[in-house]
Amino acid sequence: MDSIQAYSFVATYQKIPRGYMGRIVGFPGVISEGKTIEVCRESLNDALKEMILAYQQEGQPLPIGQPIFESLLVEA
């Protein structure tokens, strides 16, 4: 029986005209949209699972690590 591993990633959400857009920080290509934040979250979770599976099937290492967040002050 295969063992199941758990991974932790950070998601960000942004309000857009069609609802919400979600992204996984530090995992390029994992982006999703949904009419509500709940739908977006579910879709993003599915997209992340599919991307992890694709990486594993290709023998690629997952981009696992803690993202670094920083506030930037911009004068404009």
PDB file of N, CA and C in Angstrom:
ATOM      1  N   MET A   1       0.831  -1.169   0.000  1.00  0.00           N
ATOM      2  CA  MET A   1       0.000   0.000   0.000  1.00  0.00           C
ATOM      3  C   MET A   1       0.888   1.249   0.000  1.00  0.00           C
ATOM      4  N   ASP A   2       0.586   2.208  -0.848  1.00  0.00           N
ATOM      5  CA  ASP A   2       1.344   3.451  -0.910  1.00  0.00           C
ATOM      6  C   ASP A   2       1.018   4.319   0.292  1.00  0.00           C
ATOM      7  N   SER A   3       2.064   4.986   0.800  1.00  0.00           N
ATOM      8  CA  SER A   3       1.814   5.902   1.912  1.00  0.00           C
ATOM      9  C   SER A   3       1.418   7.270   1.359  1.00  0.00           C
ATOM     10  N   ILE A   4       0.619   7.980   2.125  1.00  0.00           N
ATOM     11  CA  ILE A   4       0.160   9.308   1.729  1.00  0.00           C
ATOM     12  C   ILE A   4       1.005  10.327   2.468  1.00  0.00           C
ATOM     13  N   GLN A   5       1.514  11.315   1.735  1.00  0.00           N
ATOM     14  CA  GLN A   5       2.288  12.385   2.344  1.00  0.00           C
ATOM     15  C   GLN A   5       1.458  13.656   2.367  1.00  0.00           C
ATOM     16  N   ALA A   6       1.702  14.470   3.371  1.00  0.00           N
ATOM     17  CA  ALA A   6       1.025  15.758   3.472  1.00  0.00           C
ATOM     18  C   ALA A   6       2.048  16.864   3.219  1.00  0.00           C
ATOM     19  N   TYR A   7       1.653  17.845   2.461  1.00  0.00           N
ATOM     20  CA  TYR A   7       2.503  18.980   2.148  1.00  0.00           C
ATOM     21  C   TYR A   7       1.769  20.251   2.565  1.00  0.00           C
ATOM     22  N   SER A   8       2.521  21.262   2.908  1.00  0.00           N
ATOM     23  CA  SER A   8       1.928  22.535   3.287  1.00  0.00           C
ATOM     24  C   SER A   8       2.388  23.621   2.321  1.00  0.00           C
ATOM     25  N   PHE A   9       1.438  24.339   1.752  1.00  0.00           N
ATOM     26  CA  PHE A   9       1.731  25.433   0.837  1.00  0.00           C
ATOM     27  C   PHE A   9       0.923  26.653   1.261  1.00  0.00           C
ATOM     28  N   VAL A  10       1.357  27.814   0.808  1.00  0.00           N
ATOM     29  CA  VAL A  10       0.658  29.064   1.115  1.00  0.00           C
ATOM     30  C   VAL A  10      -0.131  29.492  -0.112  1.00  0.00           C
ATOM     31  N   ALA A  11      -1.422  29.777   0.095  1.00  0.00           N
ATOM     32  CA  ALA A  11      -2.282  30.251  -0.988  1.00  0.00           C
ATOM     33  C   ALA A  11      -2.588  31.729  -0.776  1.00  0.00           C
ATOM     34  N   THR A  12      -2.682  32.457  -1.884  1.00  0.00           N
ATOM     35  CA  THR A  12      -3.135  33.845  -1.831  1.00  0.00           C
ATOM     36  C   THR A  12      -4.362  33.964  -2.723  1.00  0.00           C
ATOM     37  N   TYR A  13      -5.258  34.862  -2.334  1.00  0.00           N
ATOM     38  CA  TYR A  13      -6.496  35.075  -3.090  1.00  0.00           C
ATOM     39  C   TYR A  13      -6.654  36.559  -3.390  1.00  0.00           C
ATOM     40  N   GLN A  14      -7.176  36.815  -4.564  1.00  0.00           N
ATOM     41  CA  GLN A  14      -7.390  38.194  -4.997  1.00  0.00           C
ATOM     42  C   GLN A  14      -8.770  38.305  -5.618  1.00  0.00           C
ATOM     43  N   LYS A  15      -9.490  39.355  -5.273  1.00  0.00           N
ATOM     44  CA  LYS A  15     -10.806  39.611  -5.871  1.00  0.00           C
ATOM     45  C   LYS A  15     -10.590  40.083  -7.300  1.00  0.00           C
ATOM     46  N   ILE A  16     -11.305  39.482  -8.235  1.00  0.00           N
ATOM     47  CA  ILE A  16     -11.238  39.859  -9.645  1.00  0.00           C
ATOM     48  C   ILE A  16     -12.674  40.061 -10.138  1.00  0.00           C
ATOM     49  N   PRO A  17     -12.867  40.650 -11.314  1.00  0.00           N
ATOM     50  CA  PRO A  17     -14.233  40.896 -11.805  1.00  0.00           C
ATOM     51  C   PRO A  17     -15.125  39.645 -11.860  1.00  0.00           C
ATOM     52  N   ARG A  18     -14.548  38.477 -12.145  1.00  0.00           N
ATOM     53  CA  ARG A  18     -15.347  37.251 -12.269  1.00  0.00           C
ATOM     54  C   ARG A  18     -15.488  36.488 -10.951  1.00  0.00           C
ATOM     55  N   GLY A  19     -14.915  37.011  -9.868  1.00  0.00           N
ATOM     56  CA  GLY A  19     -14.974  36.319  -8.579  1.00  0.00           C
ATOM     57  C   GLY A  19     -13.657  36.432  -7.844  1.00  0.00           C
ATOM     58  N   TYR A  20     -12.935  35.301  -7.757  1.00  0.00           N
ATOM     59  CA  TYR A  20     -11.650  35.270  -7.055  1.00  0.00           C
ATOM     60  C   TYR A  20     -10.630  34.482  -7.856  1.00  0.00           C
ATOM     61  N   MET A  21      -9.372  34.879  -7.698  1.00  0.00           N
ATOM     62  CA  MET A  21      -8.257  34.152  -8.292  1.00  0.00           C
ATOM     63  C   MET A  21      -7.351  33.724  -7.144  1.00  0.00           C
ATOM     64  N   GLY A  22      -6.946  32.466  -7.153  1.00  0.00           N
ATOM     65  CA  GLY A  22      -6.053  31.944  -6.123  1.00  0.00           C
ATOM     66  C   GLY A  22      -4.768  31.449  -6.748  1.00  0.00           C
ATOM     67  N   ARG A  23      -3.687  31.588  -6.004  1.00  0.00           N
ATOM     68  CA  ARG A  23      -2.363  31.118  -6.445  1.00  0.00           C
ATOM     69  C   ARG A  23      -1.661  30.443  -5.282  1.00  0.00           C
ATOM     70  N   ILE A  24      -0.787  29.520  -5.610  1.00  0.00           N
ATOM     71  CA  ILE A  24       0.062  28.895  -4.600  1.00  0.00           C
ATOM     72  C   ILE A  24       1.415  29.591  -4.657  1.00  0.00           C
ATOM     73  N   VAL A  25       1.805  30.185  -3.541  1.00  0.00           N
ATOM     74  CA  VAL A  25       3.069  30.909  -3.459  1.00  0.00           C
ATOM     75  C   VAL A  25       4.227  29.924  -3.623  1.00  0.00           C
ATOM     76  N   GLY A  26       5.137  30.246  -4.521  1.00  0.00           N
ATOM     77  CA  GLY A  26       6.320  29.413  -4.707  1.00  0.00           C
ATOM     78  C   GLY A  26       6.114  28.171  -5.547  1.00  0.00           C
ATOM     79  N   PHE A  27       4.927  28.011  -6.137  1.00  0.00           N
ATOM     80  CA  PHE A  27       4.660  26.846  -6.976  1.00  0.00           C
ATOM     81  C   PHE A  27       4.107  27.363  -8.302  1.00  0.00           C
ATOM     82  N   PRO A  28       4.998  27.682  -9.227  1.00  0.00           N
ATOM     83  CA  PRO A  28       4.572  28.267 -10.508  1.00  0.00           C
ATOM     84  C   PRO A  28       3.537  27.404 -11.230  1.00  0.00           C
ATOM     85  N   GLY A  29       2.546  28.065 -11.783  1.00  0.00           N
ATOM     86  CA  GLY A  29       1.552  27.371 -12.583  1.00  0.00           C
ATOM     87  C   GLY A  29       0.329  26.892 -11.835  1.00  0.00           C
ATOM     88  N   VAL A  30       0.339  26.981 -10.509  1.00  0.00           N
ATOM     89  CA  VAL A  30      -0.833  26.550  -9.748  1.00  0.00           C
ATOM     90  C   VAL A  30      -1.681  27.788  -9.467  1.00  0.00           C
ATOM     91  N   ILE A  31      -2.630  28.019 -10.358  1.00  0.00           N
ATOM     92  CA  ILE A  31      -3.512  29.186 -10.319  1.00  0.00           C
ATOM     93  C   ILE A  31      -4.916  28.699 -10.627  1.00  0.00           C
ATOM     94  N   SER A  32      -5.899  29.293  -9.960  1.00  0.00           N
ATOM     95  CA  SER A  32      -7.271  28.903 -10.215  1.00  0.00           C
ATOM     96  C   SER A  32      -8.190  30.090  -9.995  1.00  0.00           C
ATOM     97  N   GLU A  33      -9.417  29.972 -10.509  1.00  0.00           N
ATOM     98  CA  GLU A  33     -10.427  31.007 -10.331  1.00  0.00           C
ATOM     99  C   GLU A  33     -11.730  30.367  -9.893  1.00  0.00           C
ATOM    100  N   GLY A  34     -12.564  31.167  -9.250  1.00  0.00           N
ATOM    101  CA  GLY A  34     -13.879  30.699  -8.850  1.00  0.00           C
ATOM    102  C   GLY A  34     -14.798  31.871  -8.587  1.00  0.00           C
ATOM    103  N   LYS A  35     -16.072  31.622  -8.735  1.00  0.00           N
ATOM    104  CA  LYS A  35     -17.066  32.680  -8.532  1.00  0.00           C
ATOM    105  C   LYS A  35     -17.082  33.149  -7.077  1.00  0.00           C
ATOM    106  N   THR A  36     -16.867  32.211  -6.140  1.00  0.00           N
ATOM    107  CA  THR A  36     -16.766  32.544  -4.720  1.00  0.00           C
ATOM    108  C   THR A  36     -15.391  32.109  -4.233  1.00  0.00           C
ATOM    109  N   ILE A  37     -14.982  32.610  -3.073  1.00  0.00           N
ATOM    110  CA  ILE A  37     -13.676  32.209  -2.550  1.00  0.00           C
ATOM    111  C   ILE A  37     -13.670  30.718  -2.197  1.00  0.00           C
ATOM    112  N   GLU A  38     -14.817  30.187  -1.785  1.00  0.00           N
ATOM    113  CA  GLU A  38     -14.892  28.764  -1.458  1.00  0.00           C
ATOM    114  C   GLU A  38     -14.674  27.905  -2.704  1.00  0.00           C
ATOM    115  N   VAL A  39     -15.320  28.288  -3.810  1.00  0.00           N
ATOM    116  CA  VAL A  39     -15.151  27.557  -5.072  1.00  0.00           C
ATOM    117  C   VAL A  39     -13.711  27.692  -5.559  1.00  0.00           C
ATOM    118  N   CYS A  40     -13.153  28.879  -5.432  1.00  0.00           N
ATOM    119  CA  CYS A  40     -11.769  29.105  -5.842  1.00  0.00           C
ATOM    120  C   CYS A  40     -10.818  28.241  -5.015  1.00  0.00           C
ATOM    121  N   ARG A  41     -11.041  28.191  -3.709  1.00  0.00           N
ATOM    122  CA  ARG A  41     -10.192  27.398  -2.811  1.00  0.00           C
ATOM    123  C   ARG A  41     -10.239  25.920  -3.193  1.00  0.00           C
ATOM    124  N   GLU A  42     -11.426  25.409  -3.446  1.00  0.00           N
ATOM    125  CA  GLU A  42     -11.581  24.000  -3.823  1.00  0.00           C
ATOM    126  C   GLU A  42     -10.883  23.713  -5.158  1.00  0.00           C
ATOM    127  N   SER A  43     -11.070  24.604  -6.115  1.00  0.00           N
ATOM    128  CA  SER A  43     -10.448  24.444  -7.423  1.00  0.00           C
ATOM    129  C   SER A  43      -8.925  24.540  -7.328  1.00  0.00           C
ATOM    130  N   LEU A  44      -8.445  25.445  -6.479  1.00  0.00           N
ATOM    131  CA  LEU A  44      -6.999  25.596  -6.294  1.00  0.00           C
ATOM    132  C   LEU A  44      -6.418  24.344  -5.652  1.00  0.00           C
ATOM    133  N   ASN A  45      -7.124  23.776  -4.694  1.00  0.00           N
ATOM    134  CA  ASN A  45      -6.682  22.538  -4.059  1.00  0.00           C
ATOM    135  C   ASN A  45      -6.588  21.410  -5.083  1.00  0.00           C
ATOM    136  N   ASP A  46      -7.587  21.301  -5.957  1.00  0.00           N
ATOM    137  CA  ASP A  46      -7.557  20.280  -7.016  1.00  0.00           C
ATOM    138  C   ASP A  46      -6.384  20.508  -7.964  1.00  0.00           C
ATOM    139  N   ALA A  47      -6.165  21.777  -8.346  1.00  0.00           N
ATOM    140  CA  ALA A  47      -5.055  22.104  -9.254  1.00  0.00           C
ATOM    141  C   ALA A  47      -3.715  21.756  -8.609  1.00  0.00           C
ATOM    142  N   LEU A  48      -3.580  22.030  -7.322  1.00  0.00           N
ATOM    143  CA  LEU A  48      -2.341  21.716  -6.610  1.00  0.00           C
ATOM    144  C   LEU A  48      -2.103  20.217  -6.565  1.00  0.00           C
ATOM    145  N   LYS A  49      -3.147  19.443  -6.269  1.00  0.00           N
ATOM    146  CA  LYS A  49      -3.008  17.981  -6.253  1.00  0.00           C
ATOM    147  C   LYS A  49      -2.569  17.457  -7.618  1.00  0.00           C
ATOM    148  N   GLU A  50      -3.167  17.980  -8.680  1.00  0.00           N
ATOM    149  CA  GLU A  50      -2.804  17.549 -10.041  1.00  0.00           C
ATOM    150  C   GLU A  50      -1.354  17.912 -10.375  1.00  0.00           C
ATOM    151  N   MET A  51      -0.924  19.100  -9.955  1.00  0.00           N
ATOM    152  CA  MET A  51       0.452  19.529 -10.233  1.00  0.00           C
ATOM    153  C   MET A  51       1.448  18.678  -9.447  1.00  0.00           C
ATOM    154  N   ILE A  52       1.121  18.359  -8.194  1.00  0.00           N
ATOM    155  CA  ILE A  52       2.000  17.490  -7.405  1.00  0.00           C
ATOM    156  C   ILE A  52       2.124  16.129  -8.068  1.00  0.00           C
ATOM    157  N   LEU A  53       1.003  15.579  -8.515  1.00  0.00           N
ATOM    158  CA  LEU A  53       1.017  14.285  -9.199  1.00  0.00           C
ATOM    159  C   LEU A  53       1.878  14.345 -10.466  1.00  0.00           C
ATOM    160  N   ALA A  54       1.733  15.408 -11.246  1.00  0.00           N
ATOM    161  CA  ALA A  54       2.524  15.565 -12.472  1.00  0.00           C
ATOM    162  C   ALA A  54       4.023  15.632 -12.150  1.00  0.00           C
ATOM    163  N   TYR A  55       4.395  16.393 -11.131  1.00  0.00           N
ATOM    164  CA  TYR A  55       5.799  16.477 -10.724  1.00  0.00           C
ATOM    165  C   TYR A  55       6.316  15.105 -10.318  1.00  0.00           C
ATOM    166  N   GLN A  56       5.526  14.370  -9.540  1.00  0.00           N
ATOM    167  CA  GLN A  56       5.941  13.045  -9.083  1.00  0.00           C
ATOM    168  C   GLN A  56       6.090  12.074 -10.250  1.00  0.00           C
ATOM    169  N   GLN A  57       5.162  12.101 -11.199  1.00  0.00           N
ATOM    170  CA  GLN A  57       5.231  11.208 -12.353  1.00  0.00           C
ATOM    171  C   GLN A  57       6.449  11.510 -13.219  1.00  0.00           C
ATOM    172  N   GLU A  58       6.861  12.763 -13.260  1.00  0.00           N
ATOM    173  CA  GLU A  58       8.029  13.158 -14.038  1.00  0.00           C
ATOM    174  C   GLU A  58       9.337  13.024 -13.247  1.00  0.00           C
ATOM    175  N   GLY A  59       9.225  12.660 -11.980  1.00  0.00           N
ATOM    176  CA  GLY A  59      10.418  12.518 -11.146  1.00  0.00           C
ATOM    177  C   GLY A  59      11.043  13.851 -10.770  1.00  0.00           C
ATOM    178  N   GLN A  60      10.257  14.901 -10.824  1.00  0.00           N
ATOM    179  CA  GLN A  60      10.754  16.235 -10.495  1.00  0.00           C
ATOM    180  C   GLN A  60      10.558  16.511  -9.008  1.00  0.00           C
ATOM    181  N   PRO A  61      11.499  17.215  -8.377  1.00  0.00           N
ATOM    182  CA  PRO A  61      11.307  17.570  -6.968  1.00  0.00           C
ATOM    183  C   PRO A  61      10.234  18.655  -6.831  1.00  0.00           C
ATOM    184  N   LEU A  62       9.446  18.548  -5.787  1.00  0.00           N
ATOM    185  CA  LEU A  62       8.431  19.570  -5.536  1.00  0.00           C
ATOM    186  C   LEU A  62       9.096  20.832  -5.002  1.00  0.00           C
ATOM    187  N   PRO A  63       8.575  21.990  -5.372  1.00  0.00           N
ATOM    188  CA  PRO A  63       9.141  23.241  -4.858  1.00  0.00           C
ATOM    189  C   PRO A  63       8.663  23.477  -3.424  1.00  0.00           C
ATOM    190  N   ILE A  64       9.214  22.682  -2.510  1.00  0.00           N
ATOM    191  CA  ILE A  64       8.804  22.753  -1.113  1.00  0.00           C
ATOM    192  C   ILE A  64       9.790  23.623  -0.355  1.00  0.00           C
ATOM    193  N   GLY A  65       9.267  24.491   0.423  1.00  0.00           N
ATOM    194  CA  GLY A  65      10.069  25.382   1.242  1.00  0.00           C
ATOM    195  C   GLY A  65       9.174  26.483   1.745  1.00  0.00           C
ATOM    196  N   GLN A  66       9.614  27.166   2.712  1.00  0.00           N
ATOM    197  CA  GLN A  66       8.815  28.239   3.272  1.00  0.00           C
ATOM    198  C   GLN A  66       9.064  29.518   2.488  1.00  0.00           C
ATOM    199  N   PRO A  67       7.996  30.129   1.995  1.00  0.00           N
ATOM    200  CA  PRO A  67       8.173  31.397   1.277  1.00  0.00           C
ATOM    201  C   PRO A  67       8.598  32.495   2.244  1.00  0.00           C
ATOM    202  N   ILE A  68       9.291  33.447   1.730  1.00  0.00           N
ATOM    203  CA  ILE A  68       9.705  34.609   2.511  1.00  0.00           C
ATOM    204  C   ILE A  68       8.818  35.776   2.101  1.00  0.00           C
ATOM    205  N   PHE A  69       8.157  36.377   3.066  1.00  0.00           N
ATOM    206  CA  PHE A  69       7.292  37.511   2.790  1.00  0.00           C
ATOM    207  C   PHE A  69       7.963  38.778   3.286  1.00  0.00           C
ATOM    208  N   GLU A  70       7.794  39.836   2.525  1.00  0.00           N
ATOM    209  CA  GLU A  70       8.429  41.102   2.871  1.00  0.00           C
ATOM    210  C   GLU A  70       7.511  42.229   2.410  1.00  0.00           C
ATOM    211  N   SER A  71       7.360  43.228   3.245  1.00  0.00           N
ATOM    212  CA  SER A  71       6.596  44.412   2.862  1.00  0.00           C
ATOM    213  C   SER A  71       7.539  45.381   2.154  1.00  0.00           C
ATOM    214  N   LEU A  72       7.083  45.924   1.042  1.00  0.00           N
ATOM    215  CA  LEU A  72       7.878  46.872   0.295  1.00  0.00           C
ATOM    216  C   LEU A  72       7.197  48.229   0.305  1.00  0.00           C
ATOM    217  N   LEU A  73       7.939  49.266   0.615  1.00  0.00           N
ATOM    218  CA  LEU A  73       7.429  50.611   0.594  1.00  0.00           C
ATOM    219  C   LEU A  73       7.787  51.220  -0.760  1.00  0.00           C
ATOM    220  N   VAL A  74       6.772  51.685  -1.468  1.00  0.00           N
ATOM    221  CA  VAL A  74       6.986  52.243  -2.797  1.00  0.00           C
ATOM    222  C   VAL A  74       6.457  53.671  -2.802  1.00  0.00           C
ATOM    223  N   GLU A  75       7.291  54.588  -3.207  1.00  0.00           N
ATOM    224  CA  GLU A  75       6.839  55.967  -3.362  1.00  0.00           C
ATOM    225  C   GLU A  75       6.520  56.169  -4.820  1.00  0.00           C
ATOM    226  N   ALA A  76       5.309  56.620  -5.102  1.00  0.00           N
ATOM    227  CA  ALA A  76       4.912  56.813  -6.484  1.00  0.00           C
ATOM    228  C   ALA A  76       4.225  58.158  -6.649  1.00  0.00           C
TER     229      ALA A  76
END
